[in-house]
Amino acid sequence: MYKKTFSLSVFMTSLAFLIAGCSSTTAQKSTSLFSKSETFTRQDSLRGSITPERSWWDLTYYHLNVTVNPDKKFIEGKNTVQYKVLKPHQVLQIDLQSPLKITKVTQNNKELKVVSEGNAHFIQLQDSQKTGEIQSIDVYYEGNPKEAIRAPWDGGFSWKKDNNGNHFVATSCQGLGASVWWPNKDHMYDEVDSMAISVRIPKNLMDVSNGRLRNIEQHNDNTTTYHWFVDNPINNYGVNVNIGDYVHFSEKYQGEDGELDMNYYVLRDNLEKAKEQFKDAPKMMKAFEHWFGKYPFYEDGFKLVEVPYLGMEHQSSVTYGNQYKNGYLGRDLSGTGWGLKFDFIIIHEAGHEWFANNITNVDIADMWIHESFTAYSENLFLDYYYGKKAASEYVIGTRDAIQNDKPIIGHYDVNNEGSGDMYYKGANMLHTIRQLINDDGKWRQILRGLNSNFYHQTVTTQEIEKYMIEKSGIDLSKIFDQYLRTVDIPEFEYHIENNKIKYRWTNVVEGFNMPLRITVNGKSELLNPTEDWQTKPMKGNSIEIDENFYVYSKSV
């Protein structure tokens, strides 16, 4: 997801950033660099860690069957949770956030005891759980779910109405967690293999959820149930409900994996505007299949769905609320003019189909894997259609948004994301790495390789780092440490005198030795600074630092 801004000068401070483990050594390495101490509670640990009550079972299937009553802002239903037993255990953790309540849990027609601790609910199983077996429980629940006051930044249900007085309802829950509106195993590490979503609503409305529409069931009480099915693994926060007076149009896209169904659901009054604005969707697909490889969810198709908030990367059901404008609500976040060449929400949120939905972080502390690559996808879209110079100008222009307030990697095991700099600082780190590789063919192979090697998987930062180091043939470890784990930007210090340049890195992690391209008298050359002063001959008395490298420089 991308978060809101008011102006570039106060960009990051005005964001309300939202949004699974890793070794203790790695976690300590990251958290020891935080400039501000943070306090976490047992609820944070129950939400953010792979607890013993989670680790013994592997999700295989959900069937979420929910009735939504917009007049009363009330929901009720059940989630069938199917799982494979990895090792015997008799207590299973399900998450559901207040004020919603679990009313009953059953297994094999037996009602089970539930012991609740805040938003974590521990199901006391009666039947023995034998390794390798497939079991399931039915979790019944109801209530008035948390209302999203400023969706999608605080999450929950958005209960709105369109200009014709029809209910216009949607869910969003990144960071806060899917358990804000439905009971599930609310941790990123374990994605369900497939999922059915059945949503019962007033008959004059339509529900659009993830995957493909299998059936529309009419009832005698003036309600209708829309039955959707997701054929691919899906992360919890990617599941959504969108309810409105929708009209539908579609097209076929000839992609890398054959014919892809691209479907669009918009409010009735916005049909003509959408037909024009959504032309960015096939353009997006063409550019991103070039850079990242095949769209990861051909079986489920691709959808854009209008919602009463800005937008979110819900898998195969990307939500859209950018007011049918180019840029970000009509503004260019880069300040260069290039940001007005595309609809920001279509490009950014759809980019998440590769980085967030295909490749998903194990722990939310590693959310940069989602947001840094996807923020850089904006640049790559421009690169594909407008060239490398335009793309570079765009990503460099976004540096005004970077705050360097805290490290990009958050605290592990407590559902804690890092700095909002995971967007454009992360994008500029990737842009810098692209310069070091200095081979766009190899760069593209790495991006495509990430999406094929980690296809439909949850990953850690360490796995991404290792892959990029191996495939680039460059030791990028100190660069990742610098940009992901500290708030410091490398500073290139130099002094020119008597046809010599003296130079070094400062403000860097120990052992930092990133090469840097400079221009002297119109000629480009690559220096290899370290933390120690070096001297080399140079004809001329001034240099230019290649601004494609995200560094500071200072003449001393």
Protein backbone atom coordinates (compact mmCIF):
# COMPACT_ATOMS: atom_id res chain seq x y z
CA MET A 1 0.00 0.00 0.00
CA TYR A 2 1.05 3.59 -0.39
CA LYS A 3 0.27 6.10 2.28
CA LYS A 4 -0.93 9.64 2.08
CA THR A 5 1.02 12.87 1.87
CA PHE A 6 0.22 16.57 1.95
CA SER A 7 3.42 18.04 0.48
CA LEU A 8 6.86 16.76 -0.31
CA SER A 9 8.50 18.88 2.39
CA VAL A 10 6.49 17.19 5.10
CA PHE A 11 5.87 13.99 3.17
CA MET A 12 7.01 11.36 5.63
CA THR A 13 5.88 13.09 8.80
CA SER A 14 2.36 13.33 7.43
CA LEU A 15 2.17 9.66 6.57
CA ALA A 16 0.22 7.31 8.76
CA PHE A 17 2.20 4.28 7.68
CA LEU A 18 0.66 0.84 8.10
CA ILE A 19 1.24 -1.74 6.84
CA ALA A 20 6.10 -12.43 9.58
CA GLY A 21 10.82 -15.65 11.86
CA CYS A 22 14.37 -14.63 11.67
CA SER A 23 17.32 -15.74 13.82
CA SER A 24 17.81 -14.04 17.16
CA THR A 25 21.24 -12.90 16.02
CA THR A 26 19.75 -11.12 13.04
CA ALA A 27 17.00 -9.57 15.11
CA GLN A 28 19.50 -8.25 17.63
CA LYS A 29 21.63 -6.87 14.83
CA SER A 30 18.70 -4.90 13.52
CA THR A 31 17.13 -3.70 16.73
CA SER A 32 20.40 -2.63 18.29
CA LEU A 33 20.60 0.15 15.70
CA PHE A 34 17.26 1.76 16.55
CA SER A 35 17.62 5.34 17.69
CA LYS A 36 14.49 5.28 19.82
CA SER A 37 13.49 2.61 22.31
CA GLU A 38 10.10 1.04 21.77
CA THR A 39 7.99 -0.86 24.26
CA PHE A 40 6.07 -3.95 23.27
CA THR A 41 3.36 -5.88 25.08
CA ARG A 42 2.39 -9.54 25.33
CA GLN A 43 -0.39 -8.80 22.85
CA ASP A 44 2.28 -7.62 20.40
CA SER A 45 4.11 -10.93 20.87
CA LEU A 46 0.94 -13.02 20.52
CA ARG A 47 0.15 -11.17 17.31
CA GLY A 48 3.67 -10.95 15.88
CA SER A 49 5.43 -14.19 16.76
CA ILE A 50 5.13 -17.80 15.66
CA THR A 51 3.73 -19.04 18.95
CA PRO A 52 3.68 -22.73 19.96
CA GLU A 53 -0.06 -22.66 19.32
CA ARG A 54 0.60 -21.61 15.72
CA SER A 55 3.71 -23.54 14.78
CA TRP A 56 2.32 -27.10 15.00
CA TRP A 57 -0.22 -26.72 12.18
CA ASP A 58 0.00 -25.63 8.55
CA LEU A 59 -2.86 -23.79 6.84
CA THR A 60 -4.28 -25.53 3.78
CA TYR A 61 -7.71 -23.93 3.16
CA TYR A 62 -10.16 -21.32 4.41
CA HIS A 63 -13.84 -20.92 3.65
CA LEU A 64 -14.91 -17.53 4.93
CA ASN A 65 -18.70 -17.30 4.88
CA VAL A 66 -19.90 -13.93 6.14
CA THR A 67 -23.12 -11.92 6.07
CA VAL A 68 -22.71 -8.14 5.91
CA ASN A 69 -25.55 -5.88 7.05
CA PRO A 70 -24.59 -2.34 6.01
CA ASP A 71 -27.64 -0.74 7.65
CA LYS A 72 -26.51 -1.98 11.07
CA LYS A 73 -22.76 -2.04 10.31
CA PHE A 74 -22.91 -5.61 11.53
CA ILE A 75 -21.33 -8.83 10.31
CA GLU A 76 -21.78 -12.47 11.26
CA GLY A 77 -20.65 -15.78 9.89
CA LYS A 78 -18.03 -18.47 10.19
CA ASN A 79 -14.61 -19.35 8.91
CA THR A 80 -13.77 -22.97 8.20
CA VAL A 81 -10.06 -23.38 8.94
CA GLN A 82 -8.51 -26.47 7.37
CA TYR A 83 -4.98 -27.45 8.34
CA LYS A 84 -2.34 -30.16 8.22
CA VAL A 85 -0.95 -31.41 11.53
CA LEU A 86 2.84 -30.97 11.58
CA LYS A 87 3.25 -32.35 15.10
CA PRO A 88 0.77 -33.37 17.82
CA HIS A 89 -0.66 -30.56 19.93
CA GLN A 90 -4.05 -29.87 21.48
CA VAL A 91 -4.24 -26.05 21.54
CA LEU A 92 -4.69 -23.96 18.40
CA GLN A 93 -4.45 -20.16 18.23
CA ILE A 94 -6.99 -18.18 16.25
CA ASP A 95 -6.94 -14.38 16.14
CA LEU A 96 -9.96 -12.08 16.15
CA GLN A 97 -9.94 -8.47 17.28
CA SER A 98 -12.42 -6.78 19.57
CA PRO A 99 -15.23 -5.77 19.40
CA LEU A 100 -15.91 -8.85 17.27
CA LYS A 101 -16.61 -11.98 19.29
CA ILE A 102 -16.20 -15.68 18.68
CA THR A 103 -19.58 -17.25 19.46
CA LYS A 104 -18.70 -20.91 18.93
CA VAL A 105 -15.94 -23.21 17.66
CA THR A 106 -16.59 -26.77 16.54
CA GLN A 107 -14.57 -29.73 15.29
CA ASN A 108 -16.13 -32.99 14.15
CA ASN A 109 -19.54 -31.82 15.46
CA LYS A 110 -18.12 -31.16 18.94
CA GLU A 111 -18.23 -27.69 20.45
CA LEU A 112 -14.82 -26.71 21.82
CA LYS A 113 -13.69 -24.59 24.73
CA VAL A 114 -12.08 -21.27 23.84
CA VAL A 115 -9.67 -19.50 26.19
CA SER A 116 -9.18 -15.89 25.14
CA GLU A 117 -6.29 -13.57 25.90
CA GLY A 118 -7.03 -10.24 24.31
CA ASN A 119 -7.24 -10.72 20.56
CA ALA A 120 -5.66 -14.21 20.69
CA HIS A 121 -8.05 -17.10 21.21
CA PHE A 122 -6.79 -20.54 22.18
CA ILE A 123 -8.98 -23.39 20.94
CA GLN A 124 -8.88 -26.43 23.22
CA LEU A 125 -9.09 -29.40 20.85
CA GLN A 126 -10.71 -32.65 22.02
CA ASP A 127 -9.78 -35.10 19.26
CA SER A 128 -6.15 -36.19 19.07
CA GLN A 129 -4.14 -34.35 16.42
CA LYS A 130 -1.97 -36.86 14.58
CA THR A 131 1.01 -35.85 12.43
CA GLY A 132 0.13 -35.69 8.73
CA GLU A 133 -3.64 -35.59 9.19
CA ILE A 134 -5.85 -32.96 7.58
CA GLN A 135 -8.23 -31.47 10.15
CA SER A 136 -10.55 -28.48 10.27
CA ILE A 137 -12.43 -26.31 12.72
CA ASP A 138 -15.40 -24.01 12.21
CA VAL A 139 -15.09 -20.63 13.93
CA TYR A 140 -18.37 -18.74 14.28
CA TYR A 141 -18.27 -15.02 15.02
CA GLU A 142 -20.29 -11.82 14.94
CA GLY A 143 -20.32 -8.16 15.89
CA ASN A 144 -19.86 -4.61 14.75
CA PRO A 145 -16.31 -4.59 13.41
CA LYS A 146 -13.90 -1.72 13.92
CA GLU A 147 -14.76 1.11 11.59
CA ALA A 148 -11.88 2.51 9.58
CA ILE A 149 -11.94 6.22 10.33
CA ARG A 150 -9.30 7.13 7.72
CA ALA A 151 -9.02 4.03 5.57
CA PRO A 152 -6.75 2.48 4.63
CA TRP A 153 -4.37 3.91 7.21
CA ASP A 154 -6.10 2.69 10.35
CA GLY A 155 -7.92 -0.35 8.92
CA GLY A 156 -11.27 -2.02 9.38
CA PHE A 157 -14.61 -1.58 7.59
CA SER A 158 -15.41 1.56 5.59
CA TRP A 159 -19.15 2.14 5.70
CA LYS A 160 -19.87 4.81 3.09
CA LYS A 161 -22.54 5.66 0.53
CA ASP A 162 -22.19 6.64 -3.10
CA ASN A 163 -23.67 9.76 -4.70
CA ASN A 164 -26.92 7.90 -5.35
CA GLY A 165 -27.39 6.89 -1.71
CA ASN A 166 -26.35 3.29 -2.17
CA HIS A 167 -24.17 1.56 0.38
CA PHE A 168 -20.48 1.62 -0.57
CA VAL A 169 -18.54 -0.69 1.75
CA ALA A 170 -14.99 -2.02 1.78
CA THR A 171 -12.39 -3.60 4.06
CA SER A 172 -8.72 -2.72 4.51
CA CYS A 173 -6.43 -4.16 7.16
CA GLN A 174 -2.73 -4.00 6.32
CA GLY A 175 -0.58 -3.82 9.46
CA LEU A 176 -3.52 -3.90 11.81
CA GLY A 177 -4.25 -7.41 10.60
CA ALA A 178 -7.04 -9.33 8.90
CA SER A 179 -8.31 -10.42 12.32
CA VAL A 180 -9.84 -6.95 12.59
CA TRP A 181 -12.75 -8.34 10.54
CA TRP A 182 -12.46 -12.15 10.28
CA PRO A 183 -11.04 -14.96 12.44
CA ASN A 184 -7.84 -16.48 11.10
CA LYS A 185 -4.20 -17.38 11.74
CA ASP A 186 -3.12 -13.76 11.62
CA HIS A 187 0.59 -14.01 10.89
CA MET A 188 2.33 -13.54 7.56
CA TYR A 189 4.54 -16.63 7.73
CA ASP A 190 1.79 -19.14 6.85
CA GLU A 191 -0.25 -18.37 3.75
CA VAL A 192 -3.34 -20.45 3.12
CA ASP A 193 -3.04 -22.59 -0.04
CA SER A 194 -6.46 -21.67 -1.42
CA MET A 195 -9.60 -19.99 -0.17
CA ALA A 196 -13.34 -19.68 -0.72
CA ILE A 197 -15.01 -16.37 0.13
CA SER A 198 -18.81 -16.22 0.39
CA VAL A 199 -20.36 -12.82 1.13
CA ARG A 200 -24.09 -12.37 1.71
CA ILE A 201 -25.37 -8.83 1.18
CA PRO A 202 -28.56 -6.88 0.27
CA LYS A 203 -29.72 -7.97 -3.17
CA ASN A 204 -29.44 -4.52 -4.79
CA LEU A 205 -25.66 -4.54 -4.23
CA MET A 206 -22.71 -6.54 -5.54
CA ASP A 207 -19.76 -7.99 -3.63
CA VAL A 208 -16.35 -8.20 -5.28
CA SER A 209 -13.70 -10.24 -3.48
CA ASN A 210 -10.52 -12.08 -4.41
CA GLY A 211 -10.12 -14.68 -7.13
CA ARG A 212 -12.88 -15.73 -9.50
CA LEU A 213 -16.64 -15.48 -9.10
CA ARG A 214 -18.01 -19.05 -9.01
CA ASN A 215 -21.67 -18.51 -8.24
CA ILE A 216 -24.30 -15.93 -7.35
CA GLU A 217 -26.93 -17.33 -4.96
CA GLN A 218 -30.26 -15.55 -4.56
CA HIS A 219 -32.14 -15.88 -1.26
CA ASN A 220 -35.78 -15.34 -0.33
CA ASP A 221 -34.99 -12.59 2.19
CA ASN A 222 -33.84 -10.01 -0.35
CA THR A 223 -30.19 -10.94 0.02
CA THR A 224 -27.66 -12.39 -2.37
CA THR A 225 -24.50 -14.38 -1.73
CA TYR A 226 -21.49 -13.94 -3.98
CA HIS A 227 -19.19 -16.96 -3.96
CA TRP A 228 -15.54 -16.29 -4.88
CA PHE A 229 -12.62 -18.71 -5.00
CA VAL A 230 -8.90 -18.03 -4.75
CA ASP A 231 -6.85 -20.77 -6.40
CA ASN A 232 -3.44 -19.51 -5.22
CA PRO A 233 -1.82 -18.96 -1.83
CA ILE A 234 -2.91 -15.64 -0.36
CA ASN A 235 -1.77 -13.58 2.62
CA ASN A 236 -4.38 -12.65 5.20
CA TYR A 237 -4.39 -8.89 4.68
CA GLY A 238 -4.81 -9.44 0.94
CA VAL A 239 -8.34 -10.84 1.49
CA ASN A 240 -11.07 -8.27 0.98
CA VAL A 241 -14.77 -7.52 0.72
CA ASN A 242 -15.98 -4.69 -1.54
CA ILE A 243 -19.70 -3.95 -1.71
CA GLY A 244 -21.40 -1.41 -3.94
CA ASP A 245 -23.61 -0.62 -6.88
CA TYR A 246 -20.93 -1.89 -9.24
CA VAL A 247 -20.89 -2.22 -12.99
CA HIS A 248 -18.37 -4.44 -14.70
CA PHE A 249 -16.25 -4.36 -17.82
CA SER A 250 -13.30 -6.51 -18.84
CA GLU A 251 -10.62 -7.29 -21.38
CA LYS A 252 -8.27 -10.12 -22.31
CA TYR A 253 -4.52 -9.57 -22.00
CA GLN A 254 -2.07 -11.74 -23.92
CA GLY A 255 0.66 -12.18 -21.35
CA GLU A 256 3.69 -14.31 -20.63
CA ASP A 257 1.56 -17.18 -19.34
CA GLY A 258 -1.16 -16.95 -21.95
CA GLU A 259 -4.51 -15.18 -21.84
CA LEU A 260 -5.16 -13.21 -18.65
CA ASP A 261 -8.63 -12.03 -17.63
CA MET A 262 -8.55 -8.40 -16.53
CA ASN A 263 -11.79 -7.33 -14.86
CA TYR A 264 -12.87 -3.91 -13.64
CA TYR A 265 -15.62 -3.09 -11.14
CA VAL A 266 -16.58 0.56 -10.66
CA LEU A 267 -19.50 2.59 -9.41
CA ARG A 268 -22.22 2.97 -12.01
CA ASP A 269 -21.69 6.71 -12.46
CA ASN A 270 -17.95 6.29 -13.10
CA LEU A 271 -18.05 3.75 -15.92
CA GLU A 272 -16.92 6.02 -18.74
CA LYS A 273 -14.16 7.62 -16.68
CA ALA A 274 -12.93 4.20 -15.66
CA LYS A 275 -12.83 2.91 -19.23
CA GLU A 276 -10.39 5.69 -20.03
CA GLN A 277 -8.32 5.77 -16.82
CA PHE A 278 -7.94 2.03 -16.53
CA LYS A 279 -6.04 1.90 -19.81
CA ASP A 280 -3.02 2.12 -17.47
CA ALA A 281 -3.79 -1.43 -16.27
CA PRO A 282 -2.69 -3.35 -19.39
CA LYS A 283 0.22 -0.91 -19.75
CA MET A 284 1.20 -1.81 -16.19
CA MET A 285 0.92 -5.51 -16.93
CA LYS A 286 3.16 -5.23 -20.00
CA ALA A 287 5.87 -3.28 -18.16
CA PHE A 288 5.88 -5.41 -15.03
CA GLU A 289 5.85 -8.72 -16.85
CA HIS A 290 8.92 -7.40 -18.64
CA TRP A 291 10.74 -6.45 -15.46
CA PHE A 292 9.40 -8.95 -12.92
CA GLY A 293 8.23 -11.97 -14.92
CA LYS A 294 4.79 -13.40 -15.43
CA TYR A 295 1.85 -12.09 -13.42
CA PRO A 296 1.75 -14.50 -10.45
CA PHE A 297 -1.99 -15.24 -10.40
CA TYR A 298 -3.24 -16.11 -13.88
CA GLU A 299 -5.61 -18.72 -12.37
CA ASP A 300 -7.36 -16.01 -10.35
CA GLY A 301 -7.27 -13.25 -12.96
CA PHE A 302 -6.64 -9.57 -12.26
CA LYS A 303 -9.18 -7.05 -10.99
CA LEU A 304 -9.32 -3.35 -10.25
CA VAL A 305 -12.16 -2.52 -7.86
CA GLU A 306 -13.32 0.97 -6.95
CA VAL A 307 -13.51 1.62 -3.20
CA PRO A 308 -14.26 4.60 -0.92
CA TYR A 309 -10.59 4.99 0.13
CA LEU A 310 -7.31 5.51 -1.71
CA GLY A 311 -6.38 1.91 -2.55
CA MET A 312 -4.66 -1.29 -1.45
CA GLU A 313 -2.83 -4.28 -2.96
CA HIS A 314 -5.48 -6.91 -2.24
CA GLN A 315 -4.39 -9.98 -4.20
CA SER A 316 -6.13 -10.33 -7.58
CA SER A 317 -8.58 -7.71 -6.29
CA VAL A 318 -6.55 -4.50 -6.26
CA THR A 319 -8.62 -1.66 -4.86
CA TYR A 320 -8.72 1.80 -6.40
CA GLY A 321 -9.77 5.21 -5.11
CA ASN A 322 -7.48 7.70 -6.87
CA GLN A 323 -10.37 9.77 -8.22
CA TYR A 324 -9.55 8.84 -11.82
CA LYS A 325 -6.54 11.16 -11.83
CA ASN A 326 -2.95 10.72 -12.85
CA GLY A 327 -0.30 11.05 -10.16
CA TYR A 328 -1.20 10.61 -6.53
CA LEU A 329 -4.65 12.23 -6.29
CA GLY A 330 -3.50 14.50 -9.09
CA ARG A 331 -0.07 15.32 -7.60
CA ASP A 332 3.43 14.28 -8.58
CA LEU A 333 5.25 12.84 -5.57
CA SER A 334 8.63 13.23 -7.26
CA GLY A 335 8.29 16.92 -8.12
CA THR A 336 9.71 16.20 -11.57
CA GLY A 337 6.60 16.01 -13.71
CA TRP A 338 7.14 12.32 -14.47
CA GLY A 339 4.75 11.29 -11.71
CA LEU A 340 1.86 12.72 -13.73
CA LYS A 341 2.48 10.31 -16.61
CA PHE A 342 0.61 7.48 -14.87
CA ASP A 343 -2.13 6.76 -12.35
CA PHE A 344 -0.14 6.22 -9.18
CA ILE A 345 -2.56 3.83 -7.48
CA ILE A 346 -2.95 1.55 -10.50
CA ILE A 347 0.82 1.26 -10.95
CA HIS A 348 1.92 1.09 -7.32
CA GLU A 349 -0.79 -1.14 -5.91
CA ALA A 350 -0.67 -3.52 -8.89
CA GLY A 351 3.12 -3.67 -8.50
CA HIS A 352 2.46 -5.34 -5.18
CA GLU A 353 1.09 -8.38 -7.00
CA TRP A 354 4.75 -9.31 -7.47
CA PHE A 355 6.27 -7.85 -4.30
CA ALA A 356 3.87 -8.46 -1.37
CA ASN A 357 1.45 -10.97 -2.85
CA ASN A 358 3.78 -13.26 -4.81
CA ILE A 359 6.82 -12.67 -2.57
CA THR A 360 5.58 -12.01 0.98
CA ASN A 361 7.60 -11.11 4.06
CA VAL A 362 7.65 -13.70 6.85
CA ASP A 363 7.71 -10.97 9.49
CA ILE A 364 6.29 -7.50 9.07
CA ALA A 365 9.64 -6.10 10.27
CA ASP A 366 10.86 -7.00 6.77
CA MET A 367 8.12 -5.09 5.03
CA TRP A 368 10.69 -3.24 2.94
CA ILE A 369 10.58 -6.32 0.69
CA HIS A 370 7.05 -5.27 -0.20
CA GLU A 371 7.40 -1.52 -0.30
CA SER A 372 10.94 -0.77 -1.52
CA PHE A 373 10.62 -2.94 -4.61
CA THR A 374 7.11 -1.68 -5.30
CA ALA A 375 8.08 1.97 -4.87
CA TYR A 376 10.89 1.24 -7.34
CA SER A 377 8.34 -0.34 -9.69
CA GLU A 378 7.01 3.18 -10.30
CA ASN A 379 10.47 4.02 -11.64
CA LEU A 380 10.58 0.85 -13.74
CA PHE A 381 7.19 1.62 -15.29
CA LEU A 382 8.59 4.97 -16.40
CA ASP A 383 11.78 3.29 -17.59
CA TYR A 384 9.76 0.94 -19.82
CA TYR A 385 7.69 3.68 -21.47
CA TYR A 386 9.75 6.86 -21.20
CA GLY A 387 13.34 5.73 -20.86
CA LYS A 388 16.07 5.43 -18.29
CA LYS A 389 16.68 9.15 -17.84
CA ALA A 390 13.04 9.87 -17.00
CA ALA A 391 12.97 6.95 -14.58
CA SER A 392 16.15 8.11 -12.83
CA GLU A 393 14.87 11.65 -12.50
CA TYR A 394 11.70 10.34 -10.90
CA VAL A 395 13.32 8.15 -8.24
CA ILE A 396 15.92 10.81 -7.44
CA GLY A 397 13.11 13.33 -7.07
CA THR A 398 11.46 11.22 -4.40
CA ARG A 399 14.45 11.67 -2.06
CA ASP A 400 12.87 14.82 -0.67
CA ALA A 401 10.40 12.51 1.05
CA ILE A 402 13.03 10.55 2.98
CA GLN A 403 13.17 11.28 6.72
CA ASN A 404 15.88 8.91 8.01
CA ASP A 405 13.98 8.80 11.29
CA LYS A 406 14.62 5.14 12.14
CA PRO A 407 15.89 2.04 10.33
CA ILE A 408 13.81 0.53 7.56
CA ILE A 409 13.83 -2.90 9.23
CA GLY A 410 11.58 -3.06 12.29
CA HIS A 411 11.61 -5.22 15.43
CA TYR A 412 10.99 -8.89 14.84
CA ASP A 413 8.27 -11.07 16.45
CA VAL A 414 6.10 -8.19 17.68
CA ASN A 415 4.24 -7.12 14.51
CA ASN A 416 6.41 -4.01 14.18
CA GLU A 417 7.16 -2.39 10.86
CA GLY A 418 10.20 -0.21 10.34
CA SER A 419 10.40 3.34 9.05
CA GLY A 420 8.17 4.63 6.30
CA ASP A 421 11.45 5.23 4.51
CA MET A 422 10.97 1.66 3.31
CA TYR A 423 9.29 3.32 0.33
CA TYR A 424 11.61 5.86 -1.23
CA LYS A 425 14.80 5.31 0.73
CA GLY A 426 14.39 1.64 -0.12
CA ALA A 427 13.71 2.49 -3.76
CA ASN A 428 16.82 4.67 -3.89
CA MET A 429 18.88 1.89 -2.32
CA LEU A 430 17.72 -0.41 -5.12
CA HIS A 431 18.48 2.29 -7.68
CA THR A 432 21.99 2.58 -6.24
CA ILE A 433 22.46 -1.19 -6.45
CA ARG A 434 21.38 -1.02 -10.08
CA GLN A 435 24.26 1.41 -10.70
CA LEU A 436 26.72 -0.95 -9.05
CA ILE A 437 25.57 -3.87 -11.17
CA ASN A 438 25.84 -1.57 -14.21
CA ASP A 439 24.17 -4.10 -16.47
CA ASP A 440 20.45 -3.62 -17.04
CA GLY A 441 20.10 -7.10 -18.50
CA LYS A 442 21.48 -8.63 -15.31
CA TRP A 443 19.38 -6.25 -13.19
CA ARG A 444 16.25 -7.41 -14.97
CA GLN A 445 17.30 -11.06 -14.55
CA ILE A 446 17.66 -10.50 -10.80
CA LEU A 447 14.19 -8.95 -10.48
CA ARG A 448 12.62 -11.71 -12.55
CA GLY A 449 14.69 -14.32 -10.69
CA LEU A 450 13.40 -13.13 -7.32
CA ASN A 451 9.82 -13.65 -8.49
CA SER A 452 10.50 -17.09 -9.93
CA ASN A 453 12.86 -18.37 -7.22
CA PHE A 454 10.54 -17.24 -4.40
CA TYR A 455 7.31 -17.81 -6.35
CA HIS A 456 4.31 -17.89 -3.97
CA GLN A 457 6.60 -17.96 -0.92
CA THR A 458 7.15 -16.07 2.30
CA VAL A 459 10.70 -14.79 2.67
CA THR A 460 13.12 -13.07 5.03
CA THR A 461 15.43 -10.15 4.41
CA GLN A 462 18.37 -12.52 4.64
CA GLU A 463 17.01 -14.64 1.78
CA ILE A 464 16.54 -11.60 -0.45
CA GLU A 465 20.00 -10.26 0.39
CA LYS A 466 21.67 -13.61 -0.24
CA TYR A 467 19.95 -14.01 -3.61
CA MET A 468 20.86 -10.54 -4.82
CA ILE A 469 24.49 -10.90 -3.68
CA GLU A 470 24.82 -14.27 -5.39
CA LYS A 471 23.19 -13.25 -8.67
CA SER A 472 24.89 -9.86 -8.92
CA GLY A 473 28.33 -11.24 -8.09
CA ILE A 474 28.83 -8.23 -5.80
CA ASP A 475 29.13 -8.26 -2.02
CA LEU A 476 26.19 -6.00 -1.20
CA SER A 477 26.07 -6.93 2.49
CA LYS A 478 27.41 -3.62 3.81
CA ILE A 479 25.11 -1.70 1.51
CA PHE A 480 22.09 -3.53 2.90
CA ASP A 481 23.38 -2.95 6.43
CA GLN A 482 23.84 0.75 5.73
CA TYR A 483 20.51 1.54 4.14
CA LEU A 484 18.21 -0.97 5.86
CA ARG A 485 19.64 -1.10 9.39
CA THR A 486 20.86 2.44 10.10
CA VAL A 487 19.56 5.96 9.63
CA ASP A 488 22.89 7.19 8.24
CA ILE A 489 23.47 8.08 4.60
CA PRO A 490 27.02 7.50 3.34
CA GLU A 491 28.99 10.71 3.00
CA PHE A 492 31.75 11.02 0.41
CA GLU A 493 34.42 13.39 1.75
CA TYR A 494 36.96 14.69 -0.69
CA HIS A 495 39.67 17.31 -1.11
CA ILE A 496 41.18 18.45 -4.41
CA GLU A 497 44.60 20.08 -4.48
CA ASN A 498 47.64 20.07 -6.79
CA ASN A 499 45.97 17.83 -9.39
CA LYS A 500 45.18 15.21 -6.81
CA ILE A 501 41.97 14.11 -5.14
CA LYS A 502 41.91 12.79 -1.61
CA TYR A 503 38.73 10.95 -0.63
CA ARG A 504 37.03 8.55 1.79
CA TRP A 505 33.65 7.37 3.13
CA THR A 506 32.34 8.69 6.43
CA ASN A 507 29.04 8.18 8.28
CA VAL A 508 29.10 4.50 7.29
CA VAL A 509 28.97 1.07 8.86
CA GLU A 510 32.31 -0.60 9.54
CA GLY A 511 33.78 -2.07 6.36
CA PHE A 512 31.63 -0.03 3.98
CA ASN A 513 33.42 0.15 0.62
CA MET A 514 30.79 0.91 -2.00
CA PRO A 515 32.19 2.12 -5.34
CA LEU A 516 31.08 5.58 -6.50
CA ARG A 517 30.91 7.06 -9.99
CA ILE A 518 32.16 10.59 -10.45
CA THR A 519 32.68 12.84 -13.47
CA VAL A 520 35.89 14.82 -13.92
CA ASN A 521 36.16 17.23 -16.85
CA GLY A 522 33.28 15.46 -18.57
CA LYS A 523 34.82 12.00 -18.16
CA SER A 524 33.15 9.39 -15.97
CA GLU A 525 35.18 7.14 -13.72
CA LEU A 526 34.55 4.78 -10.83
CA LEU A 527 36.25 5.34 -7.50
CA ASN A 528 36.52 2.73 -4.75
CA PRO A 529 36.43 4.72 -1.52
CA THR A 530 36.83 3.11 1.90
CA GLU A 531 36.82 4.56 5.38
CA ASP A 532 40.53 5.33 4.98
CA TRP A 533 41.81 8.30 3.03
CA GLN A 534 43.01 7.51 -0.48
CA THR A 535 44.74 9.78 -3.00
CA LYS A 536 44.92 9.61 -6.76
CA PRO A 537 45.97 11.98 -9.56
CA MET A 538 43.23 14.08 -11.09
CA LYS A 539 43.34 16.73 -13.76
CA GLY A 540 40.94 19.48 -12.83
CA ASN A 541 39.73 21.21 -9.73
CA SER A 542 36.12 20.07 -9.51
CA ILE A 543 34.10 16.87 -9.72
CA GLU A 544 30.47 15.85 -10.07
CA ILE A 545 29.01 12.99 -8.05
CA ASP A 546 26.69 10.74 -10.03
CA GLU A 547 23.35 11.53 -8.45
CA ASN A 548 22.05 8.06 -9.26
CA PHE A 549 23.98 6.98 -6.15
CA TYR A 550 22.06 7.82 -2.99
CA VAL A 551 24.90 9.42 -1.03
CA TYR A 552 25.89 12.79 0.35
CA SER A 553 29.14 14.50 -0.56
CA LYS A 554 31.27 17.16 1.11
CA SER A 555 34.40 18.98 0.05
CA VAL A 556 36.78 19.31 3.02
